[in-house]
Amino acid sequence: MNGQVIATWDAEDQNGKLVTDGVYQIVVTEQFPDGSSIVLAQNASVAPYSNQGVIDFTAMPNMVHPGDVVKFSASFSGIVADGQSKIKIYDLAGELVNSLPLLNGTAAWDISNSGRQAAASGIYLAVLDGVNPVSGQHLTKTLKILVTR
């Protein structure tokens, strides 16, 4: 929450075995003394059987309005992504909307296309098109961004 880690998961099921590669929804519920609660949900792409290493790619917030800015963070096995990596924003039709360079593992999207026009309402895919700075291996990871008016 607010860029802080609130929970971790070791990609193991309730029996201690690694889960299969796939997309999982992580749901964290916090109960308050007054009986109210808050639920936070996030999709996570898990690939425990791949040899890609750990890809950490986040977007905050991932539900935005025109005028907001999405801040991205990217690293490979704890090493921040460098200038060899970029973030590509696509609409659901697969059209490239914008391409963002990474500087010290971070980038920002002002909800505009490459022509500096405001992006329409809808779901966008932010794709980390990365190169592991240690191994040189090409890696990708995708997040969803919802733009609403």
N, C-alpha and C. Protein backbone atom coordinates (compact mmCIF):
# COMPACT_ATOMS: atom_id res chain seq x y z
N MET A 1 0.85 -1.17 0.00
CA MET A 1 0.00 0.00 0.00
C MET A 1 0.90 1.23 0.00
N ASN A 2 0.59 2.19 -0.85
CA ASN A 2 1.43 3.38 -1.01
C ASN A 2 2.88 3.02 -1.25
N GLY A 3 3.10 1.99 -2.06
CA GLY A 3 4.45 1.57 -2.40
C GLY A 3 5.12 0.68 -1.38
N GLN A 4 4.42 0.34 -0.29
CA GLN A 4 5.01 -0.50 0.74
C GLN A 4 4.51 -1.94 0.58
N VAL A 5 5.36 -2.87 0.91
CA VAL A 5 4.98 -4.28 0.87
C VAL A 5 4.06 -4.56 2.05
N ILE A 6 2.87 -5.11 1.76
CA ILE A 6 1.95 -5.43 2.85
C ILE A 6 1.79 -6.93 3.03
N ALA A 7 2.24 -7.70 2.04
CA ALA A 7 2.15 -9.16 2.14
C ALA A 7 3.13 -9.77 1.15
N THR A 8 3.58 -10.97 1.45
CA THR A 8 4.42 -11.71 0.51
C THR A 8 3.87 -13.12 0.37
N TRP A 9 4.16 -13.74 -0.76
CA TRP A 9 3.72 -15.11 -1.03
C TRP A 9 4.88 -15.83 -1.68
N ASP A 10 5.21 -17.00 -1.21
CA ASP A 10 6.35 -17.76 -1.71
C ASP A 10 6.00 -18.66 -2.90
N ALA A 11 4.82 -18.44 -3.51
CA ALA A 11 4.34 -19.20 -4.67
C ALA A 11 4.18 -20.69 -4.34
N GLU A 12 3.84 -20.96 -3.10
CA GLU A 12 3.57 -22.34 -2.69
C GLU A 12 2.10 -22.48 -2.32
N ASP A 13 1.55 -23.68 -2.57
CA ASP A 13 0.18 -23.94 -2.17
C ASP A 13 0.13 -24.27 -0.67
N GLN A 14 -1.06 -24.63 -0.16
CA GLN A 14 -1.22 -24.89 1.28
C GLN A 14 -0.43 -26.12 1.74
N ASN A 15 0.04 -26.95 0.80
CA ASN A 15 0.84 -28.13 1.15
C ASN A 15 2.34 -27.89 1.01
N GLY A 16 2.73 -26.64 0.71
CA GLY A 16 4.15 -26.31 0.61
C GLY A 16 4.77 -26.65 -0.74
N LYS A 17 3.95 -26.96 -1.74
CA LYS A 17 4.48 -27.27 -3.07
C LYS A 17 4.34 -26.04 -3.97
N LEU A 18 5.34 -25.83 -4.87
CA LEU A 18 5.27 -24.71 -5.79
C LEU A 18 4.03 -24.82 -6.67
N VAL A 19 3.35 -23.69 -6.87
CA VAL A 19 2.20 -23.66 -7.75
C VAL A 19 2.68 -23.71 -9.20
N THR A 20 1.78 -24.03 -10.11
CA THR A 20 2.15 -24.05 -11.52
C THR A 20 2.26 -22.62 -12.04
N ASP A 21 2.99 -22.46 -13.15
CA ASP A 21 3.09 -21.15 -13.79
C ASP A 21 1.70 -20.66 -14.15
N GLY A 22 1.44 -19.37 -13.95
CA GLY A 22 0.14 -18.82 -14.29
C GLY A 22 -0.10 -17.47 -13.65
N VAL A 23 -1.31 -16.97 -13.81
CA VAL A 23 -1.71 -15.70 -13.22
C VAL A 23 -2.63 -16.00 -12.04
N TYR A 24 -2.32 -15.43 -10.90
CA TYR A 24 -3.09 -15.64 -9.68
C TYR A 24 -3.58 -14.30 -9.16
N GLN A 25 -4.74 -14.31 -8.51
CA GLN A 25 -5.22 -13.09 -7.88
C GLN A 25 -4.93 -13.21 -6.38
N ILE A 26 -4.17 -12.25 -5.87
CA ILE A 26 -3.82 -12.20 -4.46
C ILE A 26 -4.81 -11.25 -3.78
N VAL A 27 -5.48 -11.71 -2.75
CA VAL A 27 -6.46 -10.90 -2.03
C VAL A 27 -6.04 -10.82 -0.57
N VAL A 28 -5.90 -9.59 -0.08
CA VAL A 28 -5.55 -9.36 1.32
C VAL A 28 -6.71 -8.61 1.97
N THR A 29 -7.22 -9.15 3.08
CA THR A 29 -8.32 -8.51 3.80
C THR A 29 -7.83 -8.11 5.19
N GLU A 30 -8.06 -6.85 5.56
CA GLU A 30 -7.71 -6.40 6.90
C GLU A 30 -9.00 -6.06 7.65
N GLN A 31 -9.16 -6.67 8.82
CA GLN A 31 -10.32 -6.42 9.67
C GLN A 31 -9.95 -5.38 10.72
N PHE A 32 -10.83 -4.40 10.94
CA PHE A 32 -10.60 -3.36 11.93
C PHE A 32 -11.44 -3.64 13.17
N PRO A 33 -11.03 -3.11 14.33
CA PRO A 33 -11.77 -3.36 15.59
C PRO A 33 -13.24 -2.94 15.53
N ASP A 34 -13.58 -1.93 14.70
CA ASP A 34 -14.96 -1.48 14.64
C ASP A 34 -15.84 -2.38 13.76
N GLY A 35 -15.27 -3.48 13.23
CA GLY A 35 -16.02 -4.41 12.41
C GLY A 35 -15.89 -4.16 10.91
N SER A 36 -15.34 -3.01 10.55
CA SER A 36 -15.17 -2.73 9.12
C SER A 36 -13.92 -3.45 8.60
N SER A 37 -13.80 -3.49 7.30
CA SER A 37 -12.65 -4.15 6.70
C SER A 37 -12.29 -3.48 5.39
N ILE A 38 -11.10 -3.77 4.92
CA ILE A 38 -10.64 -3.30 3.63
C ILE A 38 -10.08 -4.50 2.88
N VAL A 39 -10.39 -4.57 1.59
CA VAL A 39 -9.92 -5.67 0.76
C VAL A 39 -9.04 -5.10 -0.34
N LEU A 40 -7.84 -5.62 -0.47
CA LEU A 40 -6.93 -5.23 -1.54
C LEU A 40 -6.70 -6.45 -2.42
N ALA A 41 -6.81 -6.27 -3.73
CA ALA A 41 -6.62 -7.39 -4.66
C ALA A 41 -5.62 -6.99 -5.73
N GLN A 42 -4.78 -7.92 -6.13
CA GLN A 42 -3.77 -7.67 -7.16
C GLN A 42 -3.52 -8.96 -7.92
N ASN A 43 -3.45 -8.87 -9.23
CA ASN A 43 -3.07 -10.04 -10.02
C ASN A 43 -1.56 -10.20 -9.98
N ALA A 44 -1.11 -11.43 -9.95
CA ALA A 44 0.33 -11.71 -9.93
C ALA A 44 0.62 -12.79 -10.96
N SER A 45 1.62 -12.54 -11.78
CA SER A 45 2.08 -13.54 -12.73
C SER A 45 3.17 -14.34 -12.04
N VAL A 46 2.98 -15.63 -11.95
CA VAL A 46 3.91 -16.49 -11.21
C VAL A 46 4.50 -17.50 -12.18
N ALA A 47 5.83 -17.61 -12.16
CA ALA A 47 6.52 -18.58 -13.03
C ALA A 47 7.65 -19.24 -12.24
N PRO A 48 7.29 -20.03 -11.19
CA PRO A 48 8.34 -20.62 -10.37
C PRO A 48 9.19 -21.65 -11.10
N TYR A 49 8.69 -22.18 -12.22
CA TYR A 49 9.44 -23.20 -12.92
C TYR A 49 10.29 -22.64 -14.06
N SER A 50 10.26 -21.33 -14.26
CA SER A 50 11.09 -20.75 -15.32
C SER A 50 12.44 -20.38 -14.73
N ASN A 51 13.41 -20.16 -15.58
CA ASN A 51 14.74 -19.76 -15.11
C ASN A 51 14.97 -18.28 -15.35
N GLN A 52 13.89 -17.51 -15.41
CA GLN A 52 14.00 -16.09 -15.70
C GLN A 52 14.52 -15.29 -14.51
N GLY A 53 14.49 -15.82 -13.34
CA GLY A 53 14.80 -15.01 -12.17
C GLY A 53 13.54 -14.26 -11.76
N VAL A 54 13.66 -13.39 -10.80
CA VAL A 54 12.52 -12.67 -10.27
C VAL A 54 12.38 -11.35 -11.03
N ILE A 55 11.21 -11.14 -11.62
CA ILE A 55 10.91 -9.88 -12.29
C ILE A 55 9.95 -9.12 -11.38
N ASP A 56 10.34 -7.94 -10.93
CA ASP A 56 9.47 -7.10 -10.12
C ASP A 56 9.06 -5.92 -10.98
N PHE A 57 7.77 -5.86 -11.33
CA PHE A 57 7.24 -4.81 -12.19
C PHE A 57 5.94 -4.34 -11.58
N THR A 58 5.88 -3.08 -11.17
CA THR A 58 4.69 -2.54 -10.53
C THR A 58 4.25 -1.25 -11.22
N ALA A 59 2.96 -0.97 -11.10
CA ALA A 59 2.36 0.27 -11.60
C ALA A 59 1.46 0.81 -10.51
N MET A 60 1.66 2.08 -10.16
CA MET A 60 0.85 2.68 -9.10
C MET A 60 0.43 4.08 -9.52
N PRO A 61 -0.84 4.40 -9.46
CA PRO A 61 -1.96 3.47 -9.30
C PRO A 61 -2.21 2.74 -10.62
N ASN A 62 -3.03 1.71 -10.58
CA ASN A 62 -3.35 1.01 -11.81
C ASN A 62 -4.79 1.28 -12.26
N MET A 63 -5.49 2.15 -11.57
CA MET A 63 -6.78 2.67 -12.00
C MET A 63 -6.66 4.19 -11.94
N VAL A 64 -6.74 4.85 -13.11
CA VAL A 64 -6.43 6.27 -13.18
C VAL A 64 -7.49 7.03 -13.96
N HIS A 65 -7.41 8.34 -13.83
CA HIS A 65 -8.27 9.28 -14.55
C HIS A 65 -7.37 10.22 -15.34
N PRO A 66 -7.88 10.86 -16.40
CA PRO A 66 -7.06 11.83 -17.12
C PRO A 66 -6.46 12.85 -16.16
N GLY A 67 -5.21 13.17 -16.34
CA GLY A 67 -4.51 14.09 -15.44
C GLY A 67 -3.68 13.36 -14.40
N ASP A 68 -3.98 12.09 -14.15
CA ASP A 68 -3.17 11.29 -13.22
C ASP A 68 -1.88 10.85 -13.91
N VAL A 69 -0.96 10.36 -13.12
CA VAL A 69 0.30 9.82 -13.63
C VAL A 69 0.50 8.44 -13.02
N VAL A 70 0.79 7.45 -13.87
CA VAL A 70 1.10 6.10 -13.40
C VAL A 70 2.61 6.02 -13.25
N LYS A 71 3.06 5.60 -12.08
CA LYS A 71 4.49 5.45 -11.83
C LYS A 71 4.84 3.97 -11.87
N PHE A 72 5.81 3.64 -12.71
CA PHE A 72 6.25 2.26 -12.89
C PHE A 72 7.59 2.06 -12.20
N SER A 73 7.79 0.83 -11.72
CA SER A 73 9.05 0.42 -11.13
C SER A 73 9.37 -0.97 -11.68
N ALA A 74 10.64 -1.19 -12.06
CA ALA A 74 11.01 -2.48 -12.65
C ALA A 74 12.41 -2.88 -12.20
N SER A 75 12.53 -4.17 -11.83
CA SER A 75 13.84 -4.72 -11.49
C SER A 75 13.87 -6.20 -11.83
N PHE A 76 15.08 -6.72 -11.98
CA PHE A 76 15.30 -8.13 -12.29
C PHE A 76 16.17 -8.71 -11.19
N SER A 77 15.61 -9.64 -10.43
CA SER A 77 16.33 -10.27 -9.31
C SER A 77 16.98 -9.24 -8.40
N GLY A 78 16.25 -8.14 -8.15
CA GLY A 78 16.72 -7.11 -7.23
C GLY A 78 17.59 -6.04 -7.85
N ILE A 79 17.92 -6.15 -9.13
CA ILE A 79 18.75 -5.14 -9.80
C ILE A 79 17.84 -4.30 -10.68
N VAL A 80 17.87 -2.97 -10.48
CA VAL A 80 16.94 -2.11 -11.20
C VAL A 80 17.17 -2.22 -12.71
N ALA A 81 16.07 -2.15 -13.44
CA ALA A 81 16.13 -2.19 -14.90
C ALA A 81 16.86 -0.95 -15.40
N ASP A 82 17.65 -1.13 -16.45
CA ASP A 82 18.43 0.00 -16.97
C ASP A 82 17.89 0.45 -18.32
N GLY A 83 18.66 1.28 -19.02
CA GLY A 83 18.24 1.85 -20.28
C GLY A 83 18.01 0.85 -21.40
N GLN A 84 18.42 -0.41 -21.22
CA GLN A 84 18.13 -1.44 -22.23
C GLN A 84 16.67 -1.85 -22.20
N SER A 85 15.98 -1.52 -21.13
CA SER A 85 14.58 -1.91 -20.94
C SER A 85 13.66 -0.72 -21.16
N LYS A 86 12.43 -1.01 -21.57
CA LYS A 86 11.43 0.05 -21.72
C LYS A 86 10.06 -0.52 -21.40
N ILE A 87 9.11 0.38 -21.22
CA ILE A 87 7.73 -0.02 -20.98
C ILE A 87 6.93 0.41 -22.19
N LYS A 88 6.19 -0.54 -22.75
CA LYS A 88 5.34 -0.25 -23.91
C LYS A 88 3.88 -0.35 -23.46
N ILE A 89 3.10 0.67 -23.79
CA ILE A 89 1.69 0.72 -23.42
C ILE A 89 0.87 0.39 -24.66
N TYR A 90 0.01 -0.65 -24.55
CA TYR A 90 -0.84 -1.08 -25.66
C TYR A 90 -2.30 -0.96 -25.27
N ASP A 91 -3.16 -0.68 -26.26
CA ASP A 91 -4.60 -0.79 -26.00
C ASP A 91 -5.00 -2.24 -26.24
N LEU A 92 -6.27 -2.57 -25.98
CA LEU A 92 -6.69 -3.96 -26.10
C LEU A 92 -6.76 -4.46 -27.54
N ALA A 93 -6.69 -3.54 -28.50
CA ALA A 93 -6.64 -3.94 -29.90
C ALA A 93 -5.21 -4.29 -30.31
N GLY A 94 -4.27 -4.12 -29.38
CA GLY A 94 -2.88 -4.44 -29.67
C GLY A 94 -2.10 -3.30 -30.29
N GLU A 95 -2.70 -2.12 -30.36
CA GLU A 95 -2.02 -0.95 -30.93
C GLU A 95 -1.10 -0.34 -29.87
N LEU A 96 0.13 -0.01 -30.29
CA LEU A 96 1.07 0.64 -29.39
C LEU A 96 0.59 2.07 -29.14
N VAL A 97 0.39 2.43 -27.87
CA VAL A 97 -0.10 3.75 -27.49
C VAL A 97 1.07 4.66 -27.14
N ASN A 98 2.04 4.12 -26.40
CA ASN A 98 3.19 4.92 -25.96
C ASN A 98 4.32 3.98 -25.59
N SER A 99 5.53 4.50 -25.61
CA SER A 99 6.71 3.74 -25.20
C SER A 99 7.48 4.62 -24.23
N LEU A 100 7.81 4.06 -23.07
CA LEU A 100 8.44 4.84 -22.00
C LEU A 100 9.83 4.29 -21.67
N PRO A 101 10.84 5.15 -21.67
CA PRO A 101 12.16 4.68 -21.26
C PRO A 101 12.22 4.54 -19.74
N LEU A 102 13.05 3.64 -19.28
CA LEU A 102 13.27 3.47 -17.84
C LEU A 102 14.55 4.18 -17.44
N LEU A 103 14.49 4.91 -16.35
CA LEU A 103 15.65 5.59 -15.80
C LEU A 103 15.78 5.14 -14.35
N ASN A 104 16.86 4.47 -14.03
CA ASN A 104 17.06 3.93 -12.67
C ASN A 104 15.88 3.05 -12.24
N GLY A 105 15.36 2.28 -13.18
CA GLY A 105 14.29 1.34 -12.88
C GLY A 105 12.91 1.94 -12.76
N THR A 106 12.75 3.22 -13.11
CA THR A 106 11.44 3.86 -12.99
C THR A 106 11.04 4.57 -14.28
N ALA A 107 9.74 4.74 -14.45
CA ALA A 107 9.18 5.50 -15.57
C ALA A 107 7.83 6.03 -15.12
N ALA A 108 7.33 7.02 -15.84
CA ALA A 108 6.01 7.59 -15.53
C ALA A 108 5.22 7.75 -16.82
N TRP A 109 3.93 7.42 -16.76
CA TRP A 109 3.03 7.58 -17.90
C TRP A 109 1.97 8.59 -17.52
N ASP A 110 1.86 9.66 -18.30
CA ASP A 110 0.88 10.72 -18.04
C ASP A 110 -0.46 10.48 -18.72
N ILE A 111 -0.78 9.25 -19.02
CA ILE A 111 -2.04 8.81 -19.63
C ILE A 111 -2.24 9.47 -21.00
N SER A 112 -1.15 9.59 -21.75
CA SER A 112 -1.26 10.14 -23.09
C SER A 112 -0.65 9.16 -24.10
N ASN A 113 -0.99 9.39 -25.37
CA ASN A 113 -0.38 8.57 -26.41
C ASN A 113 0.93 9.22 -26.84
N SER A 114 1.61 8.63 -27.81
CA SER A 114 2.91 9.16 -28.22
C SER A 114 2.79 10.54 -28.85
N GLY A 115 1.59 10.94 -29.29
CA GLY A 115 1.35 12.27 -29.84
C GLY A 115 0.95 13.28 -28.78
N ARG A 116 1.05 12.89 -27.51
CA ARG A 116 0.74 13.74 -26.34
C ARG A 116 -0.76 14.03 -26.19
N GLN A 117 -1.63 13.23 -26.84
CA GLN A 117 -3.07 13.36 -26.68
C GLN A 117 -3.53 12.42 -25.58
N ALA A 118 -4.55 12.84 -24.82
CA ALA A 118 -5.05 12.02 -23.70
C ALA A 118 -5.55 10.68 -24.23
N ALA A 119 -5.19 9.63 -23.54
CA ALA A 119 -5.66 8.28 -23.89
C ALA A 119 -7.14 8.15 -23.54
N ALA A 120 -7.86 7.41 -24.36
CA ALA A 120 -9.29 7.19 -24.13
C ALA A 120 -9.51 6.29 -22.92
N SER A 121 -10.72 6.32 -22.39
CA SER A 121 -11.07 5.41 -21.30
C SER A 121 -10.94 3.98 -21.79
N GLY A 122 -10.50 3.09 -20.92
CA GLY A 122 -10.40 1.69 -21.29
C GLY A 122 -9.29 0.98 -20.54
N ILE A 123 -9.06 -0.25 -20.90
CA ILE A 123 -8.01 -1.06 -20.29
C ILE A 123 -6.79 -1.02 -21.20
N TYR A 124 -5.64 -0.79 -20.61
CA TYR A 124 -4.38 -0.75 -21.32
C TYR A 124 -3.45 -1.80 -20.73
N LEU A 125 -2.57 -2.32 -21.55
CA LEU A 125 -1.57 -3.28 -21.10
C LEU A 125 -0.22 -2.60 -21.08
N ALA A 126 0.41 -2.58 -19.92
CA ALA A 126 1.76 -2.04 -19.78
C ALA A 126 2.71 -3.24 -19.81
N VAL A 127 3.56 -3.29 -20.82
CA VAL A 127 4.46 -4.42 -21.02
C VAL A 127 5.88 -3.98 -20.74
N LEU A 128 6.49 -4.63 -19.76
CA LEU A 128 7.91 -4.41 -19.50
C LEU A 128 8.67 -5.21 -20.55
N ASP A 129 9.34 -4.52 -21.44
CA ASP A 129 10.16 -5.13 -22.48
C ASP A 129 11.59 -4.97 -21.97
N GLY A 130 12.06 -5.98 -21.23
CA GLY A 130 13.28 -5.81 -20.47
C GLY A 130 14.43 -6.71 -20.86
N VAL A 131 15.59 -6.26 -20.42
CA VAL A 131 16.82 -7.04 -20.55
C VAL A 131 17.45 -7.10 -19.17
N ASN A 132 17.63 -8.33 -18.66
CA ASN A 132 18.27 -8.51 -17.36
C ASN A 132 19.68 -7.95 -17.46
N PRO A 133 20.02 -6.93 -16.64
CA PRO A 133 21.34 -6.31 -16.75
C PRO A 133 22.50 -7.24 -16.39
N VAL A 134 22.24 -8.32 -15.71
CA VAL A 134 23.31 -9.25 -15.34
C VAL A 134 23.48 -10.35 -16.39
N SER A 135 22.38 -11.01 -16.75
CA SER A 135 22.47 -12.15 -17.67
C SER A 135 22.33 -11.76 -19.13
N GLY A 136 21.75 -10.58 -19.41
CA GLY A 136 21.49 -10.17 -20.78
C GLY A 136 20.25 -10.83 -21.36
N GLN A 137 19.55 -11.65 -20.56
CA GLN A 137 18.36 -12.35 -21.01
C GLN A 137 17.21 -11.38 -21.25
N HIS A 138 16.50 -11.53 -22.37
CA HIS A 138 15.34 -10.71 -22.69
C HIS A 138 14.14 -11.24 -21.91
N LEU A 139 13.45 -10.37 -21.17
CA LEU A 139 12.33 -10.76 -20.32
C LEU A 139 11.16 -9.81 -20.52
N THR A 140 9.94 -10.31 -20.35
CA THR A 140 8.77 -9.45 -20.42
C THR A 140 7.82 -9.78 -19.27
N LYS A 141 7.05 -8.77 -18.89
CA LYS A 141 6.00 -8.96 -17.90
C LYS A 141 4.93 -7.90 -18.20
N THR A 142 3.67 -8.26 -18.00
CA THR A 142 2.56 -7.39 -18.38
C THR A 142 1.68 -7.07 -17.17
N LEU A 143 1.25 -5.80 -17.10
CA LEU A 143 0.30 -5.33 -16.10
C LEU A 143 -0.88 -4.68 -16.80
N LYS A 144 -2.03 -4.63 -16.13
CA LYS A 144 -3.20 -3.96 -16.65
C LYS A 144 -3.36 -2.60 -15.99
N ILE A 145 -3.74 -1.59 -16.79
CA ILE A 145 -4.03 -0.26 -16.30
C ILE A 145 -5.44 0.10 -16.77
N LEU A 146 -6.29 0.58 -15.88
CA LEU A 146 -7.64 1.01 -16.23
C LEU A 146 -7.69 2.53 -16.21
N VAL A 147 -8.07 3.10 -17.36
CA VAL A 147 -8.25 4.56 -17.48
C VAL A 147 -9.75 4.82 -17.53
N THR A 148 -10.23 5.65 -16.60
CA THR A 148 -11.66 6.00 -16.55
C THR A 148 -11.82 7.51 -16.64
N ARG A 149 -12.96 7.93 -17.09
CA ARG A 149 -13.27 9.38 -17.18
C ARG A 149 -14.27 9.72 -16.11
